[in-house]
């Protein structure tokens, strides 16, 4: 399952950067049968893959507007999206995270995304 591999890679990034202030969540929008996930499925998923990130589930597919492929969003402390990726390239996402963590409080790591 490509999704599980990607989530595992993102969990590794989370482990590496959480002490620098990274907060990260996995949002699951379907189970293994493409059905809305349940609390029980998500708990088993987290335990089965030994994930450290928090698992959230979206049985109403509200977050599906961001795409049906692995979607990663990096925001600054104000909630402004500074990077959005629809891919499974963890090194690109990691770079965006590191750039944002290195930015001063209130500074945007991606001026174009922040409307500057």
Protein backbone atom coordinates (compact mmCIF):
# COMPACT_ATOMS: atom_id res chain seq x y z
CA UNK A 1 0.00 0.00 0.00
CA UNK A 2 1.71 3.18 -1.24
CA UNK A 3 -0.25 5.30 1.22
CA UNK A 4 1.10 3.31 4.18
CA UNK A 5 4.69 3.72 2.91
CA UNK A 6 4.18 7.47 2.50
CA UNK A 7 2.65 7.83 5.95
CA UNK A 8 5.55 5.87 7.42
CA UNK A 9 8.00 8.26 5.75
CA UNK A 10 6.07 11.25 7.06
CA UNK A 11 6.06 9.70 10.53
CA UNK A 12 9.86 9.51 10.32
CA UNK A 13 10.00 13.22 9.44
CA UNK A 14 7.68 13.95 12.37
CA UNK A 15 9.94 12.01 14.74
CA UNK A 16 13.00 13.90 13.48
CA UNK A 17 11.44 17.38 13.75
CA UNK A 18 8.83 17.27 16.53
CA UNK A 19 11.27 18.66 19.10
CA UNK A 20 11.78 21.68 16.81
CA UNK A 21 8.06 22.46 16.96
CA UNK A 22 6.56 20.31 14.20
CA UNK A 23 2.97 19.30 14.80
CA UNK A 24 1.64 16.69 12.38
CA UNK A 25 -1.48 14.62 11.89
CA UNK A 26 -2.59 11.90 9.54
CA UNK A 27 -6.16 12.28 8.34
CA UNK A 28 -7.66 9.04 7.05
CA UNK A 29 -10.62 9.42 4.70
CA UNK A 30 -11.22 5.77 3.79
CA UNK A 31 -10.52 2.33 5.11
CA UNK A 32 -9.03 -0.61 3.18
CA UNK A 33 -12.37 -1.10 1.38
CA UNK A 34 -12.70 2.55 0.33
CA UNK A 35 -15.42 3.00 2.95
CA UNK A 36 -15.54 5.79 5.54
CA UNK A 37 -13.08 4.97 8.33
CA UNK A 38 -14.12 4.14 11.86
CA UNK A 39 -12.40 4.95 15.13
CA UNK A 40 -11.53 1.27 15.48
CA UNK A 41 -9.96 1.10 12.00
CA UNK A 42 -7.82 4.18 12.70
CA UNK A 43 -6.66 2.83 16.05
CA UNK A 44 -5.68 -0.47 14.44
CA UNK A 45 -3.96 1.38 11.58
CA UNK A 46 -1.89 3.48 13.98
CA UNK A 47 -0.91 0.46 16.06
CA UNK A 48 -0.30 -1.76 13.01
CA UNK A 49 2.18 0.70 11.50
CA UNK A 50 3.54 1.88 14.87
CA UNK A 51 2.87 5.52 14.01
CA UNK A 52 3.81 8.32 16.38
CA UNK A 53 1.74 11.04 14.68
CA UNK A 54 -1.81 11.58 15.78
CA UNK A 55 -4.42 9.87 13.61
CA UNK A 56 -7.60 11.74 12.76
CA UNK A 57 -10.41 10.32 10.69
CA UNK A 58 -12.84 12.03 8.39
CA UNK A 59 -15.82 9.74 7.71
CA UNK A 60 -17.71 12.64 6.08
CA UNK A 61 -14.89 13.27 3.56
CA UNK A 62 -14.72 16.98 4.38
CA UNK A 63 -10.95 16.96 3.80
CA UNK A 64 -11.30 15.11 0.48
CA UNK A 65 -11.39 18.51 -1.24
CA UNK A 66 -7.60 18.49 -0.94
CA UNK A 67 -7.30 15.48 -3.26
CA UNK A 68 -7.43 11.72 -3.31
CA UNK A 69 -3.65 11.21 -3.39
CA UNK A 70 -1.30 11.78 -0.52
CA UNK A 71 -1.78 15.44 0.28
CA UNK A 72 0.48 17.32 2.64
CA UNK A 73 -0.11 20.84 3.85
CA UNK A 74 2.46 22.90 5.74
CA UNK A 75 1.13 25.94 7.57
CA UNK A 76 2.77 28.63 9.59
CA UNK A 77 1.76 29.48 13.16
CA UNK A 78 -1.07 31.66 11.83
CA UNK A 79 -2.57 28.80 9.85
CA UNK A 80 -1.52 30.20 6.47
CA UNK A 81 -0.73 27.41 4.00
CA UNK A 82 2.89 27.93 2.93
CA UNK A 83 3.25 24.64 1.05
CA UNK A 84 0.78 22.16 -0.39
CA UNK A 85 1.88 18.96 -2.08
CA UNK A 86 -0.12 16.32 -3.88
CA UNK A 87 2.60 13.77 -4.15
CA UNK A 88 4.51 11.16 -2.29
CA UNK A 89 7.88 12.93 -2.30
CA UNK A 90 8.78 13.19 1.40
CA UNK A 91 12.04 15.02 0.70
CA UNK A 92 10.14 17.93 -0.90
CA UNK A 93 7.71 18.09 2.01
CA UNK A 94 10.53 17.81 4.54
CA UNK A 95 12.28 20.81 2.93
CA UNK A 96 9.09 22.90 3.18
CA UNK A 97 8.71 21.90 6.84
CA UNK A 98 12.33 22.71 7.65
CA UNK A 99 12.04 26.08 5.89
CA UNK A 100 8.97 26.97 7.93
CA UNK A 101 10.50 25.80 11.21
CA UNK A 102 13.56 27.95 10.46
CA UNK A 103 11.45 31.07 9.79
CA UNK A 104 11.09 33.54 12.63
CA UNK A 105 7.75 33.73 14.42
CA UNK A 106 5.38 35.71 12.22
CA UNK A 107 7.67 35.38 9.22
CA UNK A 108 6.46 33.41 6.21
CA UNK A 109 8.86 30.91 4.66
CA UNK A 110 7.09 31.25 1.31
CA UNK A 111 6.23 34.91 0.62
CA UNK A 112 4.31 34.08 -2.57
CA UNK A 113 2.01 31.71 -0.67
CA UNK A 114 1.51 34.28 2.07
CA UNK A 115 0.52 37.04 -0.35
CA UNK A 116 3.65 39.08 0.20
